[in-house]
Amino acid sequence: MRLIILLGSFLIVHSVEVVSQNNFRIMFYNVENLFDIHDDPLKDDDDFLPDGFMKWTSWKYREKLRNITRVVTAVGGMQSPALVGLCEIENDSVLFDLTKRSPLRAQDYAYITTDSPDERGIDVALLYQRHQFRPLHITEYEIRFSRKNIGPTRNILHVAGEVLNGDTLDLFVCHFPSRSGGQRETEPARLETAALLKNKADSLFALRENAHIVIMGDFNDHPGDKSLSQILEAGSIQPPLQRDKLYNLFHHRTKDPGFGSYKYQGKWEVLDQFIVSGNLLMKENSIHVKNNEAHIFRADFLLEDDEKYYGKKTYRTNMGPRYIGGFSDHLPIHMDLAVILRHQ
């Protein structure tokens, strides 16, 4: 009888465990030239001054902040994204204005940014909601090129933080060197940047038994290009999956006509991407990518008719020096993580 009572007590205790799932949305967005109106004498930001080439005024700046808020809110849908990676932001001042002085303040974001040697002064940043993500360690990596003729670029931001179930998430926010000057001519800079990123990812695989890595950014290369497929070794999602390998969530979509986040000479390109560690693609993991997929956010308000080529193109803030009042030359991307919570 005593044994039966003890067994019954054991079953009651263990039957009250409740498993729930928290949706954790991650977004990345190249916002295209989020500059304030103040001169930084150490950077080449003269175009974005009130008397500069772009005639960048306080009103245009505030409109830009409101437009970014509209995009973040739309991508979040009924719930704000837990994390928002950004690139082409000038400094922490524009992030303060975005998160504290624009309508985005209602979503209660904190922010982290880099301090890069980029000649124009643009950086990458991470917005995060403190009730969903707690930063534990913040690092930025400067890329020191072996060739002296390659100018400085944006640093890579690495933030390790804790999500609601106690798991550690390692985030990298990137903006690889541009293709300005030609794809082949500028490729060595992206190869060296990818090599540094690969080294940091491999270090995490060696350090953590179950590394949860999310790499997001504007890579200025396609998923199948050498920098990402060969140097970073981020392949397509194909079995058997390996926990200590990287996988590009857009790799299998590169040949889809009309699929892309950036349009160049009438052709959509996949420059903005999510790359994740293999264990985040395994449903039995306590944190994993929902349906093993990511999305490009193609809301109608982010697009306009492409009169020169066909179809639609991104609705930009400026077309050269002409202000048109749009959003960016890139579309935002997003993905969802399922964070499994266990309660007694």
Protein backbone atom coordinates (compact mmCIF):
# COMPACT_ATOMS: atom_id res chain seq x y z
CA MET A 1 0.00 0.00 0.00
CA ARG A 2 2.84 2.39 0.91
CA LEU A 3 4.53 1.65 -2.41
CA ILE A 4 1.33 2.43 -4.29
CA ILE A 5 0.96 5.76 -2.44
CA LEU A 6 4.57 6.75 -3.22
CA LEU A 7 4.14 5.81 -6.84
CA GLY A 8 0.95 7.82 -7.06
CA SER A 9 2.69 10.82 -5.50
CA PHE A 10 5.54 10.54 -8.03
CA LEU A 11 3.10 10.51 -10.94
CA ILE A 12 1.21 13.52 -9.58
CA VAL A 13 4.41 15.56 -9.16
CA HIS A 14 5.63 14.77 -12.65
CA SER A 15 2.29 15.24 -14.33
CA VAL A 16 2.11 18.94 -13.46
CA GLU A 17 5.02 19.89 -15.74
CA VAL A 18 3.68 22.24 -18.39
CA VAL A 19 5.44 22.73 -21.71
CA SER A 20 4.73 25.95 -23.59
CA GLN A 21 6.23 27.63 -26.61
CA ASN A 22 7.24 31.26 -26.93
CA ASN A 23 7.45 32.79 -30.39
CA PHE A 24 10.70 34.76 -30.73
CA ARG A 25 10.82 36.84 -33.91
CA ILE A 26 14.12 38.10 -35.30
CA MET A 27 14.25 40.78 -37.97
CA PHE A 28 17.06 42.28 -40.01
CA TYR A 29 16.84 45.50 -42.02
CA ASN A 30 19.29 47.55 -44.04
CA VAL A 31 17.64 50.93 -43.44
CA GLU A 32 19.73 52.79 -46.06
CA ASN A 33 21.54 55.82 -44.73
CA LEU A 34 20.05 56.56 -41.33
CA PHE A 35 22.09 59.70 -40.71
CA ASP A 36 21.40 62.51 -38.29
CA ILE A 37 21.82 66.14 -39.44
CA HIS A 38 24.97 66.86 -37.39
CA ASP A 39 28.50 66.92 -38.77
CA ASP A 40 31.00 64.35 -37.55
CA PRO A 41 34.38 65.92 -38.38
CA LEU A 42 36.05 62.50 -38.25
CA LYS A 43 33.75 60.91 -40.84
CA ASP A 44 32.64 61.58 -44.41
CA ASP A 45 29.02 62.44 -43.61
CA ASP A 46 28.89 65.79 -45.39
CA ASP A 47 26.29 64.62 -47.93
CA PHE A 48 23.77 64.18 -45.11
CA LEU A 49 23.92 67.68 -43.71
CA PRO A 50 21.28 70.38 -44.29
CA ASP A 51 23.59 72.12 -46.80
CA GLY A 52 25.01 68.88 -48.19
CA PHE A 53 24.33 67.01 -51.43
CA MET A 54 21.23 65.26 -50.02
CA LYS A 55 19.86 68.42 -48.33
CA TRP A 56 19.19 66.28 -45.25
CA THR A 57 16.92 68.23 -42.88
CA SER A 58 15.42 67.63 -39.44
CA TRP A 59 12.04 66.98 -41.04
CA LYS A 60 13.42 64.35 -43.44
CA TYR A 61 15.32 62.73 -40.56
CA ARG A 62 12.18 62.50 -38.39
CA GLU A 63 10.24 61.06 -41.32
CA LYS A 64 12.96 58.44 -41.75
CA LEU A 65 12.59 57.44 -38.09
CA ARG A 66 8.82 57.20 -38.43
CA ASN A 67 9.15 55.08 -41.55
CA ILE A 68 11.53 52.65 -39.84
CA THR A 69 9.06 52.40 -36.95
CA ARG A 70 6.32 51.56 -39.42
CA VAL A 71 8.40 48.75 -40.92
CA VAL A 72 9.40 47.22 -37.58
CA THR A 73 5.80 47.34 -36.38
CA ALA A 74 4.51 45.76 -39.58
CA VAL A 75 7.07 42.94 -39.49
CA GLY A 76 6.14 42.28 -35.87
CA GLY A 77 2.45 42.00 -36.68
CA MET A 78 0.56 41.47 -33.44
CA GLN A 79 3.82 41.19 -31.46
CA SER A 80 6.97 43.29 -31.81
CA PRO A 81 10.09 41.44 -32.97
CA ALA A 82 12.20 40.38 -29.99
CA LEU A 83 15.39 41.31 -31.88
CA VAL A 84 15.99 43.74 -34.73
CA GLY A 85 19.35 43.80 -36.50
CA LEU A 86 20.06 47.02 -38.37
CA CYS A 87 22.74 48.25 -40.74
CA GLU A 88 23.59 51.62 -42.31
CA ILE A 89 23.00 53.52 -39.07
CA GLU A 90 25.34 56.42 -38.38
CA ASN A 91 25.82 56.27 -34.59
CA ASP A 92 24.21 55.61 -31.24
CA SER A 93 22.49 59.01 -31.37
CA VAL A 94 20.21 57.92 -34.21
CA LEU A 95 19.42 54.76 -32.26
CA PHE A 96 18.51 56.84 -29.21
CA ASP A 97 16.23 58.97 -31.36
CA LEU A 98 14.71 55.87 -32.97
CA THR A 99 14.02 54.00 -29.73
CA LYS A 100 13.25 56.92 -27.39
CA ARG A 101 12.04 59.86 -29.50
CA SER A 102 10.14 58.22 -32.36
CA PRO A 103 6.89 56.22 -32.22
CA LEU A 104 9.05 53.10 -31.79
CA ARG A 105 9.51 54.08 -28.12
CA ALA A 106 6.18 52.37 -27.40
CA GLN A 107 7.85 49.02 -28.15
CA ASP A 108 10.45 49.51 -25.39
CA TYR A 109 13.64 48.55 -27.23
CA ALA A 110 17.15 48.83 -25.85
CA TYR A 111 20.04 48.92 -28.31
CA ILE A 112 23.65 47.95 -28.90
CA THR A 113 25.81 49.37 -31.68
CA THR A 114 29.34 49.18 -33.04
CA ASP A 115 31.94 51.89 -33.47
CA SER A 116 33.45 51.02 -36.83
CA PRO A 117 36.32 52.62 -38.77
CA ASP A 118 34.11 52.85 -41.86
CA GLU A 119 34.94 56.05 -43.73
CA ARG A 120 31.32 57.17 -43.99
CA GLY A 121 30.76 56.39 -40.33
CA ILE A 122 28.02 53.81 -40.78
CA ASP A 123 27.61 50.94 -38.34
CA VAL A 124 25.49 47.93 -37.47
CA ALA A 125 23.24 47.63 -34.44
CA LEU A 126 20.92 45.35 -32.50
CA LEU A 127 17.64 46.37 -30.92
CA TYR A 128 16.31 44.00 -28.26
CA GLN A 129 13.34 43.76 -25.94
CA ARG A 130 14.62 43.32 -22.41
CA HIS A 131 11.75 41.08 -21.30
CA GLN A 132 12.68 38.56 -24.03
CA PHE A 133 16.47 38.81 -24.30
CA ARG A 134 19.20 39.56 -21.76
CA PRO A 135 22.66 40.39 -23.19
CA LEU A 136 25.47 38.58 -21.40
CA HIS A 137 28.49 39.45 -23.51
CA ILE A 138 29.02 42.06 -26.24
CA THR A 139 31.96 42.13 -28.66
CA GLU A 140 32.71 43.76 -31.99
CA TYR A 141 35.29 42.50 -34.45
CA GLU A 142 37.24 44.83 -36.70
CA ILE A 143 38.30 43.39 -40.05
CA ARG A 144 41.95 44.15 -40.78
CA PHE A 145 42.54 43.49 -44.46
CA SER A 146 45.80 42.05 -45.72
CA ARG A 147 45.70 44.27 -48.81
CA LYS A 148 46.53 47.90 -48.16
CA ASN A 149 44.34 49.13 -51.01
CA ILE A 150 41.15 47.96 -49.26
CA GLY A 151 39.55 50.67 -47.14
CA PRO A 152 38.12 50.08 -43.65
CA THR A 153 34.68 48.51 -43.35
CA ARG A 154 31.97 47.91 -40.79
CA ASN A 155 32.77 45.89 -37.69
CA ILE A 156 30.90 42.66 -36.98
CA LEU A 157 28.72 42.84 -33.86
CA HIS A 158 28.55 39.74 -31.64
CA VAL A 159 26.03 39.62 -28.81
CA ALA A 160 25.63 36.55 -26.61
CA GLY A 161 22.44 36.67 -24.59
CA GLU A 162 19.90 34.63 -22.67
CA VAL A 163 16.37 33.91 -23.87
CA LEU A 164 13.36 33.07 -21.69
CA ASN A 165 14.12 29.36 -21.24
CA GLY A 166 17.70 30.06 -20.11
CA ASP A 167 19.38 29.06 -23.38
CA THR A 168 22.21 31.19 -24.71
CA LEU A 169 21.82 32.68 -28.18
CA ASP A 170 24.89 33.94 -30.05
CA LEU A 171 23.98 36.68 -32.51
CA PHE A 172 26.16 38.19 -35.21
CA VAL A 173 25.05 41.32 -37.09
CA CYS A 174 27.02 41.94 -40.29
CA HIS A 175 27.35 44.39 -43.15
CA PHE A 176 29.96 42.99 -45.51
CA PRO A 177 32.02 45.29 -47.79
CA SER A 178 30.06 46.61 -50.74
CA ARG A 179 30.32 45.72 -54.42
CA SER A 180 30.95 49.32 -55.39
CA GLY A 181 33.78 49.17 -57.91
CA GLY A 182 32.74 45.77 -59.25
CA GLN A 183 31.84 42.37 -57.81
CA ARG A 184 35.13 40.68 -58.70
CA GLU A 185 37.30 43.64 -57.78
CA THR A 186 35.76 43.92 -54.30
CA GLU A 187 35.38 40.20 -53.60
CA PRO A 188 38.69 39.83 -51.66
CA ALA A 189 37.33 42.15 -48.95
CA ARG A 190 34.24 39.99 -48.48
CA LEU A 191 36.33 36.82 -48.46
CA GLU A 192 38.47 38.12 -45.60
CA THR A 193 35.39 39.29 -43.71
CA ALA A 194 33.80 35.86 -44.12
CA ALA A 195 37.02 34.19 -42.92
CA LEU A 196 36.94 36.21 -39.69
CA LEU A 197 33.27 35.36 -39.15
CA LYS A 198 33.98 31.67 -39.79
CA ASN A 199 36.76 31.74 -37.19
CA LYS A 200 34.42 33.24 -34.58
CA ALA A 201 31.68 30.71 -35.31
CA ASP A 202 34.12 27.78 -35.09
CA SER A 203 35.33 29.11 -31.73
CA LEU A 204 31.76 29.01 -30.43
CA PHE A 205 31.27 25.45 -31.67
CA ALA A 206 34.40 24.50 -29.73
CA LEU A 207 33.36 26.46 -26.64
CA ARG A 208 29.70 25.46 -26.35
CA GLU A 209 28.46 21.89 -26.53
CA ASN A 210 25.25 23.10 -28.15
CA ALA A 211 25.96 26.48 -29.74
CA HIS A 212 22.88 28.40 -30.87
CA ILE A 213 24.21 30.74 -33.56
CA VAL A 214 22.22 33.22 -35.64
CA ILE A 215 24.13 35.28 -38.21
CA MET A 216 22.18 38.03 -39.95
CA GLY A 217 23.16 40.80 -42.26
CA ASP A 218 23.58 42.40 -45.63
CA PHE A 219 26.39 40.28 -47.05
CA ASN A 220 26.65 42.01 -50.45
CA ASP A 221 27.01 38.50 -51.83
CA HIS A 222 24.51 35.80 -52.73
CA PRO A 223 24.19 32.56 -50.72
CA GLY A 224 26.05 30.60 -53.41
CA ASP A 225 28.95 33.04 -53.72
CA LYS A 226 32.39 32.03 -52.53
CA SER A 227 32.43 34.17 -49.38
CA LEU A 228 29.36 32.46 -47.93
CA SER A 229 29.28 28.99 -49.47
CA GLN A 230 33.02 28.20 -49.43
CA ILE A 231 34.69 30.42 -46.81
CA LEU A 232 31.89 30.59 -44.24
CA GLU A 233 30.70 27.14 -45.37
CA ALA A 234 27.02 28.02 -44.96
CA GLY A 235 25.19 25.51 -47.11
CA SER A 236 21.62 24.64 -48.00
CA ILE A 237 19.38 22.82 -45.53
CA GLN A 238 19.86 19.20 -46.53
CA PRO A 239 19.96 16.05 -44.40
CA PRO A 240 21.83 14.86 -42.53
CA LEU A 241 22.02 18.07 -40.49
CA GLN A 242 25.07 18.59 -38.29
CA ARG A 243 24.95 20.61 -35.08
CA ASP A 244 28.36 22.20 -35.62
CA LYS A 245 27.72 23.35 -39.20
CA LEU A 246 26.19 26.54 -40.56
CA TYR A 247 23.16 26.65 -42.85
CA ASN A 248 21.82 29.50 -44.97
CA LEU A 249 18.03 29.77 -44.71
CA PHE A 250 17.78 31.37 -48.18
CA HIS A 251 20.24 29.16 -50.04
CA HIS A 252 17.52 27.02 -51.64
CA ARG A 253 15.58 30.10 -52.88
CA THR A 254 18.29 31.81 -54.90
CA LYS A 255 17.03 30.50 -58.25
CA ASP A 256 13.41 31.48 -57.63
CA PRO A 257 12.49 34.22 -60.12
CA GLY A 258 11.51 37.46 -58.43
CA PHE A 259 12.78 36.37 -55.00
CA GLY A 260 15.13 38.81 -53.31
CA SER A 261 15.58 41.66 -50.87
CA TYR A 262 17.39 44.07 -53.22
CA LYS A 263 16.79 44.91 -56.87
CA TYR A 264 19.73 45.75 -59.13
CA GLN A 265 19.31 46.54 -62.83
CA GLY A 266 15.91 44.87 -62.92
CA LYS A 267 16.95 41.69 -61.11
CA TRP A 268 16.06 40.77 -57.53
CA GLU A 269 19.06 39.60 -55.47
CA VAL A 270 19.34 37.83 -52.13
CA LEU A 271 21.87 39.97 -50.28
CA ASP A 272 20.16 40.02 -46.87
CA GLN A 273 20.25 36.62 -45.21
CA PHE A 274 19.96 34.53 -42.04
CA ILE A 275 22.56 31.84 -41.36
CA VAL A 276 22.11 29.49 -38.39
CA SER A 277 23.82 26.61 -36.63
CA GLY A 278 22.53 23.13 -37.39
CA ASN A 279 21.03 22.47 -33.99
CA LEU A 280 18.62 25.37 -34.50
CA LEU A 281 17.11 23.35 -37.35
CA MET A 282 16.30 20.36 -35.14
CA LYS A 283 12.77 20.38 -33.73
CA GLU A 284 13.76 18.39 -30.64
CA ASN A 285 16.06 21.24 -29.60
CA SER A 286 14.77 23.53 -26.83
CA ILE A 287 15.16 26.45 -29.22
CA HIS A 288 14.77 26.02 -32.97
CA VAL A 289 13.80 27.79 -36.19
CA LYS A 290 10.09 27.44 -36.88
CA ASN A 291 9.54 25.35 -40.00
CA ASN A 292 13.24 25.82 -40.78
CA GLU A 293 12.46 28.90 -42.84
CA ALA A 294 12.95 32.65 -43.08
CA HIS A 295 11.02 35.26 -45.03
CA ILE A 296 11.50 38.45 -47.01
CA PHE A 297 8.90 41.02 -45.99
CA ARG A 298 7.34 42.32 -49.22
CA ALA A 299 4.56 44.59 -47.99
CA ASP A 300 2.99 46.74 -50.70
CA PHE A 301 3.89 49.98 -48.94
CA LEU A 302 7.61 49.12 -49.27
CA LEU A 303 7.38 48.85 -53.06
CA GLU A 304 6.61 51.05 -56.05
CA ASP A 305 6.25 50.49 -59.79
CA ASP A 306 9.51 49.88 -61.63
CA GLU A 307 9.01 51.93 -64.77
CA LYS A 308 12.48 51.26 -66.20
CA TYR A 309 12.46 47.48 -65.94
CA TYR A 310 9.26 45.70 -64.86
CA GLY A 311 7.16 44.78 -61.88
CA LYS A 312 8.00 46.43 -58.59
CA LYS A 313 11.09 47.91 -56.97
CA THR A 314 11.90 49.12 -53.47
CA TYR A 315 10.43 52.45 -52.43
CA ARG A 316 13.50 54.39 -51.32
CA THR A 317 14.00 57.47 -49.18
CA ASN A 318 16.04 59.21 -51.89
CA MET A 319 16.76 58.66 -55.53
CA GLY A 320 20.12 60.34 -55.80
CA PRO A 321 19.70 63.78 -54.25
CA ARG A 322 15.94 63.75 -54.93
CA TYR A 323 13.87 63.08 -51.82
CA ILE A 324 10.91 60.78 -52.52
CA GLY A 325 9.95 59.87 -48.95
CA GLY A 326 10.15 56.09 -49.04
CA PHE A 327 11.84 53.57 -46.81
CA SER A 328 15.01 51.83 -48.06
CA ASP A 329 16.64 50.22 -51.08
CA HIS A 330 16.45 46.89 -49.22
CA LEU A 331 13.50 44.87 -47.97
CA PRO A 332 13.55 43.56 -44.38
CA ILE A 333 13.85 39.86 -43.60
CA HIS A 334 12.57 37.92 -40.60
CA MET A 335 12.51 34.48 -39.00
CA ASP A 336 10.85 32.93 -35.95
CA LEU A 337 12.46 30.88 -33.22
CA ALA A 338 10.38 28.54 -31.10
CA VAL A 339 11.62 28.84 -27.51
CA ILE A 340 10.37 25.89 -25.46
CA LEU A 341 9.49 26.71 -21.84
CA ARG A 342 9.04 24.05 -19.19
CA HIS A 343 7.17 24.86 -16.00
CA GLN A 344 6.68 22.71 -12.91
